Every structure is written in structure tokens, then in C-alpha cells.
N, C-alpha and C. Protein backbone atom coordinates (compact mmCIF):
# COMPACT_ATOMS: atom_id res chain seq x y z
N MET A 1 36.62 -46.37 96.57
CA MET A 1 36.69 -46.93 97.92
C MET A 1 36.14 -45.92 98.92
N ALA A 2 35.17 -46.35 99.72
CA ALA A 2 34.57 -45.47 100.72
C ALA A 2 34.25 -46.27 101.98
N VAL A 3 34.67 -45.73 103.11
CA VAL A 3 34.32 -46.30 104.42
C VAL A 3 33.89 -45.13 105.30
N ASN A 4 32.65 -45.14 105.73
CA ASN A 4 32.12 -44.05 106.54
C ASN A 4 32.24 -44.37 108.03
N GLU A 5 32.31 -43.31 108.83
CA GLU A 5 32.38 -43.44 110.29
C GLU A 5 33.45 -44.47 110.68
N ILE A 6 34.68 -44.16 110.33
CA ILE A 6 35.77 -45.14 110.41
C ILE A 6 35.99 -45.69 111.81
N MET A 7 35.73 -44.91 112.84
CA MET A 7 35.98 -45.39 114.20
C MET A 7 34.88 -46.33 114.69
N LYS A 8 33.78 -46.41 113.96
CA LYS A 8 32.67 -47.26 114.38
C LYS A 8 32.64 -48.60 113.64
N GLN A 9 33.53 -48.77 112.68
CA GLN A 9 33.51 -49.98 111.88
C GLN A 9 34.17 -51.15 112.61
N ARG A 10 33.82 -52.33 112.18
CA ARG A 10 34.49 -53.55 112.65
C ARG A 10 35.45 -53.98 111.53
N TYR A 11 36.70 -54.20 111.89
CA TYR A 11 37.72 -54.49 110.89
C TYR A 11 38.31 -55.88 111.13
N CYS A 12 38.75 -56.48 110.04
CA CYS A 12 39.53 -57.71 110.10
C CYS A 12 40.87 -57.44 109.42
N VAL A 13 41.92 -57.40 110.22
CA VAL A 13 43.27 -57.18 109.68
C VAL A 13 43.86 -58.54 109.36
N PHE A 14 44.35 -58.74 108.14
CA PHE A 14 44.88 -60.06 107.78
C PHE A 14 46.22 -59.94 107.08
N ASP A 15 46.94 -61.05 107.11
CA ASP A 15 48.24 -61.13 106.47
C ASP A 15 48.44 -62.55 105.95
N LEU A 16 49.17 -62.66 104.86
CA LEU A 16 49.47 -63.97 104.27
C LEU A 16 50.98 -64.16 104.23
N GLU A 17 51.43 -65.36 104.51
CA GLU A 17 52.80 -65.77 104.22
C GLU A 17 52.75 -66.73 103.04
N SER A 18 53.86 -66.79 102.30
CA SER A 18 53.82 -67.58 101.06
C SER A 18 55.17 -68.18 100.74
N THR A 19 55.19 -68.94 99.66
CA THR A 19 56.42 -69.60 99.22
C THR A 19 57.37 -68.65 98.51
N GLY A 20 56.94 -67.42 98.22
CA GLY A 20 57.79 -66.45 97.54
C GLY A 20 57.05 -65.15 97.35
N ILE A 21 57.65 -64.23 96.59
CA ILE A 21 57.12 -62.87 96.50
C ILE A 21 56.35 -62.59 95.22
N HIS A 22 56.26 -63.56 94.30
CA HIS A 22 55.57 -63.33 93.04
C HIS A 22 54.19 -63.99 93.10
N HIS A 23 53.16 -63.16 93.23
CA HIS A 23 51.83 -63.70 93.47
C HIS A 23 51.32 -64.57 92.32
N GLU A 24 51.87 -64.38 91.14
CA GLU A 24 51.40 -65.16 89.99
C GLU A 24 51.79 -66.64 90.09
N THR A 25 52.92 -66.91 90.75
CA THR A 25 53.45 -68.27 90.74
C THR A 25 53.61 -68.90 92.12
N GLU A 26 53.39 -68.12 93.18
CA GLU A 26 53.64 -68.65 94.51
C GLU A 26 52.35 -69.08 95.21
N HIS A 27 52.52 -69.65 96.41
CA HIS A 27 51.40 -70.27 97.12
C HIS A 27 51.39 -69.84 98.58
N ILE A 28 50.20 -69.74 99.14
CA ILE A 28 50.01 -69.34 100.53
C ILE A 28 50.48 -70.45 101.47
N THR A 29 51.23 -70.08 102.52
CA THR A 29 51.67 -71.04 103.53
C THR A 29 51.06 -70.78 104.90
N GLN A 30 50.53 -69.57 105.11
CA GLN A 30 49.91 -69.24 106.40
C GLN A 30 48.94 -68.09 106.22
N VAL A 31 47.80 -68.18 106.91
CA VAL A 31 46.81 -67.10 106.94
C VAL A 31 46.65 -66.69 108.40
N GLY A 32 46.81 -65.40 108.67
CA GLY A 32 46.61 -64.88 110.01
C GLY A 32 45.68 -63.67 109.97
N ALA A 33 44.92 -63.46 111.02
CA ALA A 33 44.00 -62.31 111.06
C ALA A 33 43.62 -62.00 112.50
N VAL A 34 43.23 -60.75 112.71
CA VAL A 34 42.76 -60.31 114.02
C VAL A 34 41.65 -59.29 113.83
N ILE A 35 40.73 -59.25 114.77
CA ILE A 35 39.59 -58.34 114.70
C ILE A 35 39.91 -57.03 115.43
N ILE A 36 39.49 -55.92 114.83
CA ILE A 36 39.50 -54.62 115.50
C ILE A 36 38.06 -54.16 115.64
N GLU A 37 37.66 -53.88 116.85
CA GLU A 37 36.33 -53.28 117.09
C GLU A 37 36.40 -52.41 118.33
N ASN A 38 35.56 -51.40 118.33
CA ASN A 38 35.56 -50.40 119.41
C ASN A 38 36.92 -49.73 119.56
N GLY A 39 37.63 -49.60 118.42
CA GLY A 39 38.91 -48.92 118.42
C GLY A 39 40.03 -49.67 119.11
N ILE A 40 39.88 -51.00 119.25
CA ILE A 40 40.87 -51.81 119.95
C ILE A 40 41.21 -53.05 119.12
N VAL A 41 42.51 -53.39 119.07
CA VAL A 41 42.91 -54.66 118.47
C VAL A 41 42.53 -55.77 119.45
N GLN A 42 41.58 -56.60 119.05
CA GLN A 42 41.05 -57.65 119.93
C GLN A 42 41.94 -58.89 119.82
N GLU A 43 43.04 -58.90 120.59
CA GLU A 43 44.03 -59.96 120.43
C GLU A 43 43.54 -61.32 120.89
N SER A 44 42.35 -61.37 121.47
CA SER A 44 41.74 -62.65 121.81
C SER A 44 40.87 -63.18 120.66
N LYS A 45 40.64 -62.33 119.65
CA LYS A 45 39.82 -62.74 118.50
C LYS A 45 40.72 -62.83 117.27
N THR A 46 41.31 -64.00 117.10
CA THR A 46 42.30 -64.17 116.03
C THR A 46 42.00 -65.39 115.18
N PHE A 47 42.60 -65.39 114.00
CA PHE A 47 42.55 -66.53 113.09
C PHE A 47 43.99 -66.85 112.71
N ASN A 48 44.35 -68.12 112.75
CA ASN A 48 45.73 -68.49 112.43
C ASN A 48 45.76 -69.92 111.93
N SER A 49 46.26 -70.11 110.73
CA SER A 49 46.36 -71.46 110.19
C SER A 49 47.50 -71.55 109.20
N TYR A 50 48.32 -72.59 109.33
CA TYR A 50 49.23 -72.93 108.26
C TYR A 50 48.42 -73.48 107.09
N VAL A 51 49.00 -73.39 105.91
CA VAL A 51 48.36 -73.90 104.69
C VAL A 51 49.39 -74.76 103.95
N ARG A 52 48.98 -75.95 103.53
CA ARG A 52 49.90 -76.82 102.78
C ARG A 52 49.93 -76.37 101.32
N PRO A 53 51.06 -75.81 100.87
CA PRO A 53 51.13 -75.29 99.50
C PRO A 53 51.30 -76.41 98.48
N LEU A 54 51.12 -76.06 97.22
CA LEU A 54 51.24 -77.02 96.13
C LEU A 54 52.69 -77.19 95.66
N LYS A 55 53.62 -76.51 96.33
CA LYS A 55 55.04 -76.63 96.01
C LYS A 55 55.83 -76.47 97.31
N PRO A 56 57.04 -76.99 97.38
CA PRO A 56 57.84 -76.84 98.60
C PRO A 56 58.23 -75.39 98.83
N ILE A 57 58.43 -75.04 100.11
CA ILE A 57 58.94 -73.72 100.47
C ILE A 57 60.45 -73.72 100.23
N PRO A 58 60.96 -72.79 99.44
CA PRO A 58 62.42 -72.72 99.23
C PRO A 58 63.16 -72.49 100.54
N GLU A 59 64.37 -73.01 100.62
CA GLU A 59 65.15 -72.93 101.85
C GLU A 59 65.35 -71.48 102.31
N ALA A 60 65.62 -70.57 101.36
CA ALA A 60 65.84 -69.17 101.73
C ALA A 60 64.58 -68.56 102.33
N VAL A 61 63.41 -68.93 101.80
CA VAL A 61 62.15 -68.42 102.33
C VAL A 61 61.87 -69.02 103.70
N GLU A 62 62.22 -70.28 103.89
CA GLU A 62 62.09 -70.90 105.21
C GLU A 62 62.86 -70.09 106.25
N ARG A 63 64.09 -69.75 105.93
CA ARG A 63 64.92 -68.99 106.88
C ARG A 63 64.35 -67.60 107.13
N PHE A 64 63.82 -66.96 106.09
CA PHE A 64 63.33 -65.60 106.20
C PHE A 64 62.05 -65.53 107.04
N THR A 65 61.12 -66.45 106.80
CA THR A 65 59.81 -66.40 107.46
C THR A 65 59.76 -67.21 108.74
N GLY A 66 60.65 -68.20 108.87
CA GLY A 66 60.56 -69.10 110.01
C GLY A 66 59.48 -70.16 109.84
N ILE A 67 58.90 -70.23 108.64
CA ILE A 67 57.92 -71.27 108.33
C ILE A 67 58.62 -72.32 107.48
N TYR A 68 58.68 -73.54 108.00
CA TYR A 68 59.43 -74.61 107.35
C TYR A 68 58.49 -75.63 106.73
N ASN A 69 59.01 -76.38 105.79
CA ASN A 69 58.19 -77.41 105.15
C ASN A 69 57.62 -78.39 106.17
N THR A 70 58.36 -78.63 107.26
CA THR A 70 57.84 -79.51 108.30
C THR A 70 56.62 -78.92 109.01
N ASN A 71 56.49 -77.58 109.01
CA ASN A 71 55.32 -76.93 109.62
C ASN A 71 54.06 -77.14 108.80
N VAL A 72 54.22 -77.24 107.50
CA VAL A 72 53.04 -77.24 106.62
C VAL A 72 52.74 -78.60 106.00
N GLU A 73 53.59 -79.60 106.23
CA GLU A 73 53.41 -80.86 105.52
C GLU A 73 52.11 -81.57 105.89
N ARG A 74 51.59 -81.31 107.08
CA ARG A 74 50.31 -81.92 107.50
C ARG A 74 49.19 -80.88 107.61
N ALA A 75 49.47 -79.66 107.17
CA ALA A 75 48.48 -78.58 107.24
C ALA A 75 47.37 -78.79 106.21
N PRO A 76 46.20 -78.19 106.44
CA PRO A 76 45.12 -78.30 105.43
C PRO A 76 45.44 -77.50 104.18
N ARG A 77 44.85 -77.90 103.07
CA ARG A 77 44.96 -77.13 101.84
C ARG A 77 44.15 -75.83 101.99
N LEU A 78 44.40 -74.89 101.08
CA LEU A 78 43.74 -73.59 101.17
C LEU A 78 42.23 -73.72 101.13
N ASN A 79 41.71 -74.63 100.30
CA ASN A 79 40.24 -74.72 100.18
C ASN A 79 39.59 -75.08 101.52
N GLU A 80 40.32 -75.79 102.40
CA GLU A 80 39.78 -76.10 103.72
C GLU A 80 39.87 -74.89 104.66
N VAL A 81 40.96 -74.13 104.55
CA VAL A 81 41.18 -72.97 105.43
C VAL A 81 40.29 -71.81 105.02
N TYR A 82 40.06 -71.66 103.73
CA TYR A 82 39.40 -70.48 103.18
C TYR A 82 38.00 -70.27 103.74
N SER A 83 37.21 -71.35 103.84
CA SER A 83 35.83 -71.20 104.32
C SER A 83 35.81 -70.71 105.76
N ARG A 84 36.78 -71.18 106.57
CA ARG A 84 36.85 -70.72 107.97
C ARG A 84 37.28 -69.26 108.05
N PHE A 85 38.18 -68.87 107.14
CA PHE A 85 38.62 -67.47 107.10
C PHE A 85 37.46 -66.55 106.68
N ILE A 86 36.70 -66.97 105.70
CA ILE A 86 35.53 -66.17 105.26
C ILE A 86 34.55 -65.97 106.41
N GLU A 87 34.33 -67.02 107.18
CA GLU A 87 33.41 -66.91 108.31
C GLU A 87 33.97 -65.98 109.38
N PHE A 88 35.28 -66.04 109.60
CA PHE A 88 35.92 -65.21 110.62
C PHE A 88 35.78 -63.73 110.29
N MET A 89 35.94 -63.38 109.02
CA MET A 89 35.96 -61.96 108.66
C MET A 89 34.57 -61.42 108.31
N LYS A 90 33.54 -62.20 108.57
CA LYS A 90 32.17 -61.82 108.25
C LYS A 90 31.81 -60.48 108.88
N ASP A 91 31.16 -59.61 108.10
CA ASP A 91 30.69 -58.30 108.56
C ASP A 91 31.82 -57.34 108.91
N CYS A 92 33.01 -57.56 108.35
CA CYS A 92 34.15 -56.69 108.62
C CYS A 92 34.59 -55.96 107.35
N VAL A 93 35.29 -54.84 107.56
CA VAL A 93 36.08 -54.22 106.50
C VAL A 93 37.48 -54.81 106.63
N LEU A 94 38.03 -55.31 105.53
CA LEU A 94 39.37 -55.90 105.57
C LEU A 94 40.44 -54.82 105.62
N VAL A 95 41.57 -55.15 106.25
CA VAL A 95 42.72 -54.25 106.32
C VAL A 95 43.97 -55.08 106.06
N THR A 96 44.89 -54.56 105.23
CA THR A 96 46.17 -55.22 104.97
C THR A 96 47.28 -54.17 104.94
N HIS A 97 48.51 -54.65 104.83
CA HIS A 97 49.63 -53.78 104.49
C HIS A 97 50.25 -54.32 103.21
N ALA A 98 50.37 -53.45 102.20
CA ALA A 98 50.83 -53.85 100.86
C ALA A 98 49.90 -54.89 100.25
N GLY A 99 48.68 -54.92 100.74
CA GLY A 99 47.72 -55.91 100.25
C GLY A 99 47.28 -55.68 98.82
N TYR A 100 47.23 -54.41 98.41
CA TYR A 100 46.79 -54.13 97.05
C TYR A 100 47.78 -54.68 96.03
N GLU A 101 49.06 -54.76 96.42
CA GLU A 101 50.08 -55.20 95.47
C GLU A 101 50.51 -56.65 95.69
N PHE A 102 50.17 -57.26 96.84
CA PHE A 102 50.59 -58.64 97.04
C PHE A 102 49.49 -59.54 97.60
N ASP A 103 49.01 -59.27 98.81
CA ASP A 103 48.11 -60.22 99.48
C ASP A 103 46.83 -60.48 98.69
N LEU A 104 46.18 -59.42 98.23
CA LEU A 104 44.94 -59.62 97.48
C LEU A 104 45.17 -60.29 96.13
N PRO A 105 46.17 -59.88 95.33
CA PRO A 105 46.44 -60.62 94.08
C PRO A 105 46.81 -62.08 94.33
N LEU A 106 47.59 -62.36 95.39
CA LEU A 106 47.94 -63.75 95.71
C LEU A 106 46.70 -64.54 96.08
N LEU A 107 45.84 -63.96 96.91
CA LEU A 107 44.62 -64.65 97.30
C LEU A 107 43.72 -64.89 96.09
N ARG A 108 43.67 -63.92 95.20
CA ARG A 108 42.87 -64.07 93.98
C ARG A 108 43.41 -65.21 93.11
N THR A 109 44.73 -65.27 92.99
CA THR A 109 45.36 -66.34 92.20
C THR A 109 45.06 -67.71 92.80
N GLU A 110 45.19 -67.81 94.12
CA GLU A 110 44.94 -69.09 94.79
C GLU A 110 43.47 -69.50 94.69
N CYS A 111 42.56 -68.52 94.79
CA CYS A 111 41.14 -68.83 94.64
C CYS A 111 40.86 -69.38 93.25
N ASN A 112 41.49 -68.81 92.24
CA ASN A 112 41.31 -69.31 90.88
C ASN A 112 41.84 -70.74 90.75
N ARG A 113 42.96 -71.01 91.40
CA ARG A 113 43.54 -72.37 91.34
C ARG A 113 42.60 -73.41 91.93
N PHE A 114 41.97 -73.05 93.05
CA PHE A 114 41.14 -74.01 93.78
C PHE A 114 39.65 -73.90 93.43
N GLY A 115 39.30 -72.98 92.54
CA GLY A 115 37.89 -72.80 92.18
C GLY A 115 37.06 -72.25 93.33
N LEU A 116 37.66 -71.37 94.13
CA LEU A 116 36.98 -70.79 95.28
C LEU A 116 36.39 -69.43 94.93
N PRO A 117 35.29 -69.04 95.56
CA PRO A 117 34.71 -67.72 95.29
C PRO A 117 35.62 -66.60 95.76
N LEU A 118 35.77 -65.57 94.95
CA LEU A 118 36.63 -64.45 95.31
C LEU A 118 35.98 -63.59 96.39
N ILE A 119 36.82 -63.03 97.25
CA ILE A 119 36.32 -62.09 98.26
C ILE A 119 35.79 -60.84 97.56
N ASN A 120 34.56 -60.49 97.86
CA ASN A 120 33.99 -59.25 97.32
C ASN A 120 33.63 -58.36 98.50
N ILE A 121 34.64 -57.71 99.04
CA ILE A 121 34.48 -56.94 100.27
C ILE A 121 35.44 -55.77 100.24
N ARG A 122 35.09 -54.70 100.93
CA ARG A 122 35.97 -53.54 100.99
C ARG A 122 37.27 -53.90 101.71
N CYS A 123 38.37 -53.39 101.20
CA CYS A 123 39.66 -53.67 101.80
C CYS A 123 40.50 -52.40 101.79
N LEU A 124 41.02 -52.04 102.95
CA LEU A 124 41.90 -50.88 103.11
C LEU A 124 43.34 -51.35 103.23
N ASP A 125 44.25 -50.57 102.67
CA ASP A 125 45.68 -50.89 102.71
C ASP A 125 46.37 -49.77 103.49
N THR A 126 47.12 -50.13 104.53
CA THR A 126 47.76 -49.11 105.36
C THR A 126 48.75 -48.26 104.56
N LYS A 127 49.37 -48.85 103.54
CA LYS A 127 50.27 -48.07 102.69
C LYS A 127 49.52 -46.96 101.98
N ALA A 128 48.37 -47.32 101.40
CA ALA A 128 47.57 -46.35 100.66
C ALA A 128 47.00 -45.29 101.60
N LEU A 129 46.56 -45.71 102.79
CA LEU A 129 46.01 -44.75 103.74
C LEU A 129 47.06 -43.74 104.18
N PHE A 130 48.27 -44.23 104.48
CA PHE A 130 49.34 -43.33 104.91
C PHE A 130 49.72 -42.39 103.77
N SER A 131 49.80 -42.92 102.55
CA SER A 131 50.15 -42.08 101.39
C SER A 131 49.07 -41.05 101.11
N TYR A 132 47.82 -41.39 101.40
CA TYR A 132 46.71 -40.45 101.26
C TYR A 132 46.89 -39.27 102.23
N LEU A 133 47.31 -39.59 103.45
CA LEU A 133 47.53 -38.54 104.45
C LEU A 133 48.81 -37.77 104.21
N HIS A 134 49.81 -38.44 103.61
CA HIS A 134 51.13 -37.84 103.47
C HIS A 134 51.65 -37.96 102.03
N PRO A 135 51.02 -37.28 101.09
CA PRO A 135 51.49 -37.34 99.71
C PRO A 135 52.88 -36.73 99.53
N GLU A 136 53.32 -35.97 100.52
CA GLU A 136 54.63 -35.32 100.43
C GLU A 136 55.78 -36.29 100.71
N ILE A 137 55.49 -37.45 101.29
CA ILE A 137 56.53 -38.42 101.62
C ILE A 137 56.78 -39.32 100.41
N ASP A 138 57.96 -39.20 99.85
CA ASP A 138 58.29 -39.89 98.60
C ASP A 138 59.27 -41.03 98.87
N CYS A 139 58.77 -42.07 99.52
CA CYS A 139 59.61 -43.24 99.75
C CYS A 139 58.70 -44.45 99.85
N ILE A 140 59.31 -45.61 99.92
CA ILE A 140 58.52 -46.83 100.06
C ILE A 140 58.03 -46.94 101.49
N ILE A 141 56.71 -47.03 101.65
CA ILE A 141 56.11 -47.06 102.98
C ILE A 141 56.08 -48.52 103.46
N SER A 142 57.17 -48.93 104.10
CA SER A 142 57.27 -50.29 104.61
C SER A 142 56.64 -50.37 105.99
N THR A 143 56.45 -51.59 106.46
CA THR A 143 55.97 -51.78 107.83
C THR A 143 56.94 -51.16 108.83
N ASP A 144 58.24 -51.38 108.60
CA ASP A 144 59.25 -50.82 109.51
C ASP A 144 59.20 -49.29 109.52
N TYR A 145 58.95 -48.68 108.36
CA TYR A 145 58.84 -47.22 108.28
C TYR A 145 57.68 -46.74 109.17
N LEU A 146 56.53 -47.43 109.08
CA LEU A 146 55.37 -47.01 109.85
C LEU A 146 55.54 -47.27 111.34
N ILE A 147 56.25 -48.33 111.69
CA ILE A 147 56.56 -48.59 113.10
C ILE A 147 57.32 -47.41 113.69
N LYS A 148 58.33 -46.95 112.97
CA LYS A 148 59.13 -45.83 113.45
C LYS A 148 58.34 -44.53 113.44
N TYR A 149 57.56 -44.31 112.37
CA TYR A 149 56.82 -43.05 112.24
C TYR A 149 55.81 -42.89 113.39
N TYR A 150 55.06 -43.95 113.69
CA TYR A 150 54.02 -43.87 114.71
C TYR A 150 54.48 -44.36 116.09
N LYS A 151 55.76 -44.79 116.16
CA LYS A 151 56.30 -45.31 117.43
C LYS A 151 55.44 -46.46 117.97
N VAL A 152 55.18 -47.41 117.09
CA VAL A 152 54.35 -48.58 117.42
C VAL A 152 55.21 -49.65 118.08
N ASN A 153 54.72 -50.22 119.15
CA ASN A 153 55.44 -51.30 119.83
C ASN A 153 55.29 -52.61 119.05
N ASP A 154 56.41 -53.23 118.69
CA ASP A 154 56.37 -54.53 118.03
C ASP A 154 57.24 -55.56 118.74
N ARG A 155 57.77 -55.19 119.90
CA ARG A 155 58.74 -56.05 120.57
C ARG A 155 58.12 -57.34 121.09
N ASP A 156 56.81 -57.35 121.28
CA ASP A 156 56.15 -58.55 121.81
C ASP A 156 55.59 -59.45 120.71
N LEU A 157 55.90 -59.13 119.46
CA LEU A 157 55.31 -59.86 118.33
C LEU A 157 56.35 -60.59 117.52
N LYS A 158 55.97 -61.71 116.95
CA LYS A 158 56.82 -62.47 116.03
C LYS A 158 56.62 -61.93 114.63
N ARG A 159 57.68 -61.43 114.02
CA ARG A 159 57.60 -60.87 112.68
C ARG A 159 57.69 -61.96 111.63
N HIS A 160 57.19 -61.65 110.43
CA HIS A 160 57.12 -62.59 109.32
C HIS A 160 56.31 -63.83 109.71
N ASP A 161 55.41 -63.63 110.62
CA ASP A 161 54.41 -64.61 111.02
C ASP A 161 53.07 -63.96 110.72
N ALA A 162 52.17 -64.67 110.05
CA ALA A 162 50.94 -64.04 109.57
C ALA A 162 50.10 -63.46 110.71
N LEU A 163 50.01 -64.15 111.83
CA LEU A 163 49.23 -63.61 112.93
C LEU A 163 49.97 -62.46 113.61
N GLY A 164 51.27 -62.62 113.87
CA GLY A 164 52.03 -61.54 114.49
C GLY A 164 52.00 -60.29 113.65
N ASP A 165 52.16 -60.43 112.34
CA ASP A 165 52.13 -59.27 111.46
C ASP A 165 50.73 -58.67 111.38
N SER A 166 49.69 -59.49 111.48
CA SER A 166 48.32 -58.96 111.47
C SER A 166 48.08 -58.06 112.69
N ILE A 167 48.53 -58.51 113.85
CA ILE A 167 48.38 -57.70 115.06
C ILE A 167 49.17 -56.40 114.92
N LEU A 168 50.38 -56.50 114.38
CA LEU A 168 51.20 -55.31 114.16
C LEU A 168 50.53 -54.34 113.20
N ILE A 169 50.02 -54.85 112.09
CA ILE A 169 49.32 -54.00 111.11
C ILE A 169 48.10 -53.36 111.77
N GLY A 170 47.43 -54.10 112.64
CA GLY A 170 46.29 -53.55 113.36
C GLY A 170 46.68 -52.36 114.22
N ARG A 171 47.81 -52.47 114.92
CA ARG A 171 48.29 -51.35 115.75
C ARG A 171 48.64 -50.14 114.88
N ILE A 172 49.30 -50.40 113.76
CA ILE A 172 49.62 -49.31 112.83
C ILE A 172 48.35 -48.67 112.30
N PHE A 173 47.39 -49.51 111.93
CA PHE A 173 46.12 -49.02 111.38
C PHE A 173 45.41 -48.10 112.36
N LEU A 174 45.39 -48.47 113.64
CA LEU A 174 44.74 -47.62 114.64
C LEU A 174 45.46 -46.28 114.76
N SER A 175 46.79 -46.27 114.63
CA SER A 175 47.53 -45.00 114.65
C SER A 175 47.15 -44.13 113.46
N ILE A 176 46.95 -44.77 112.31
CA ILE A 176 46.53 -44.03 111.11
C ILE A 176 45.12 -43.46 111.32
N LEU A 177 44.23 -44.26 111.89
CA LEU A 177 42.87 -43.77 112.15
C LEU A 177 42.88 -42.60 113.11
N GLU A 178 43.76 -42.65 114.11
CA GLU A 178 43.88 -41.52 115.04
C GLU A 178 44.31 -40.25 114.31
N GLU A 179 45.17 -40.41 113.32
CA GLU A 179 45.59 -39.23 112.54
C GLU A 179 44.43 -38.71 111.69
N PHE A 180 43.64 -39.62 111.14
CA PHE A 180 42.43 -39.18 110.43
C PHE A 180 41.54 -38.36 111.36
N GLN A 181 41.31 -38.87 112.56
CA GLN A 181 40.47 -38.19 113.53
C GLN A 181 41.05 -36.83 113.90
N ALA A 182 42.37 -36.76 114.09
CA ALA A 182 43.02 -35.50 114.46
C ALA A 182 42.85 -34.45 113.37
N ARG A 183 42.70 -34.90 112.13
CA ARG A 183 42.47 -33.98 111.01
C ARG A 183 40.98 -33.74 110.76
N ASN A 184 40.16 -34.24 111.68
CA ASN A 184 38.71 -34.10 111.57
C ASN A 184 38.17 -34.82 110.32
N LEU A 185 38.81 -35.93 109.98
CA LEU A 185 38.35 -36.78 108.88
C LEU A 185 37.72 -38.03 109.48
N HIS A 186 36.42 -38.17 109.30
CA HIS A 186 35.70 -39.28 109.92
C HIS A 186 35.31 -40.35 108.91
N ASP A 187 35.51 -40.08 107.65
CA ASP A 187 35.21 -41.03 106.58
C ASP A 187 36.44 -41.16 105.68
N ILE A 188 36.55 -42.30 105.03
CA ILE A 188 37.61 -42.50 104.05
C ILE A 188 36.99 -42.59 102.67
N HIS A 189 37.33 -41.63 101.83
CA HIS A 189 36.83 -41.62 100.46
C HIS A 189 38.01 -41.40 99.51
N PHE A 190 38.38 -42.45 98.78
CA PHE A 190 39.42 -42.31 97.77
C PHE A 190 38.74 -41.92 96.45
N LYS A 191 38.70 -40.61 96.18
CA LYS A 191 38.07 -40.13 94.96
C LYS A 191 39.06 -40.05 93.81
N GLU A 192 40.34 -39.91 94.16
CA GLU A 192 41.39 -39.85 93.14
C GLU A 192 42.43 -40.92 93.46
N GLU A 193 43.24 -41.24 92.47
CA GLU A 193 44.27 -42.24 92.67
C GLU A 193 45.29 -41.77 93.72
N VAL A 194 45.68 -42.70 94.58
CA VAL A 194 46.71 -42.42 95.57
C VAL A 194 48.01 -43.04 95.06
N VAL A 195 49.06 -42.23 94.99
CA VAL A 195 50.34 -42.73 94.50
C VAL A 195 51.07 -43.44 95.64
N VAL A 196 51.36 -44.72 95.41
CA VAL A 196 52.04 -45.54 96.42
C VAL A 196 53.21 -46.24 95.75
N LYS A 197 54.41 -46.06 96.31
CA LYS A 197 55.57 -46.76 95.76
C LYS A 197 55.51 -48.23 96.13
N ARG A 198 55.73 -49.09 95.14
CA ARG A 198 55.69 -50.53 95.38
C ARG A 198 56.87 -50.95 96.25
N PHE A 199 56.63 -52.02 97.02
CA PHE A 199 57.70 -52.51 97.89
C PHE A 199 58.82 -53.12 97.05
N GLN A 200 60.00 -53.13 97.62
CA GLN A 200 61.16 -53.76 97.00
C GLN A 200 61.78 -54.70 98.03
N ILE A 201 62.06 -55.91 97.59
CA ILE A 201 62.63 -56.91 98.49
C ILE A 201 63.97 -57.36 97.94
N THR A 202 64.98 -57.34 98.78
CA THR A 202 66.28 -57.87 98.39
C THR A 202 66.15 -59.36 98.13
N PRO A 203 66.65 -59.86 97.02
CA PRO A 203 66.54 -61.31 96.73
C PRO A 203 67.10 -62.15 97.86
N LEU A 204 66.38 -63.21 98.20
CA LEU A 204 66.82 -64.09 99.28
C LEU A 204 67.80 -65.12 98.72
N VAL A 205 68.89 -65.31 99.42
CA VAL A 205 69.90 -66.29 98.99
C VAL A 205 70.24 -67.23 100.15
């Protein structure tokens, strides 16, 4: 993974909500994304769509995410949303949080289900970037951890909402880029494996 001149790139920060936490068996319920360019989260340049999944959203997941079956019952299927998402993120480097372990595998699984072309684009994960900068920190790098570490404002955002979380991840990502700059690191080159602890979620009941 290599991204040169990190402050000059155009990024698309995205997040997915789903029917559950196991990417092998669950389905996307919402796709959200926001553009970062010129070192700013462009909150006027966003993508947001519910997705009608192939299975009902469990009641516990409804309560956790705030996305209910009534929200998605008339939503488009993923194959309709996907082409618009691909167009939105054109010419961008993708950014996620925990995307290497959840969002990208889930998207890959859903693309296989619908016979859609897989995304073949560079993607950065804020967990991996932070762990690259801080190999001495031996804990799970959650979104909440990074909010506290970088003192990122999230009070104006709806959490567990794909668009709200995308904007939040974008703010965190810019804080990480500032730390790269402060260390005189202008390019991102992962030449060796970065050790990242996988997320753990308390079972929803």
C-alpha cells in the first residue's frame, strides 16, 4: 500500500451499516460517504443511501443503529446503489475505519452475491494508520478511542449512521494526516505488516 503526497490527494471516506457484524452472512443496509479535498472534509459533498437487504434487520440491530426495517423496505437494492457510489468515489483514495476487517470484506461479499464488479482501488484504514504511527499502543483502536486521543468533535453527528460516521472518520483521518505531517512524513508506504487488534463487539440482545 502506497499513497504519495498525502495532503494533496482527494479522498472518499465511506462507511457501511448492515444487518449484523459477520460479513460472510450479513447484508448492507446503508452506504454513506464524504469527500476530503484540500485538507478539508467537504460536508456538502456527500453520498447517502439506504439499501434494501435480502433479509430483515434483527430487532437488536435496529435499536443499536437506529435503522429500522421500515426505513429500508422501499429502498433500492445494492446493485442500484453501487453504480452511483462508484461514480461518487471516482478518482479518490478510499478511507474507512476497521474497513480492512469489516467494510471491505462485506462489500466484497455483497458484490459477489449481486454479480457486481469489485472495487479495485487503494483504501486506507484509520486503525492501520494509527497503529503504524503508534505501534507501542496495545489496545483495540476503536472510533471512540481515536475521538478521545485526537479530541475530535462528534457532538454534531449522528453515530451508527453511515453518513454521520463517514464525516466523523474523515475528521479523525485529517488528525492522523496532521500527525504524519508533524513527523515529516509526506507519503504512506506500508512496507511491513502493521499489527492491528481486531474490534470486539458485545453481543446485542
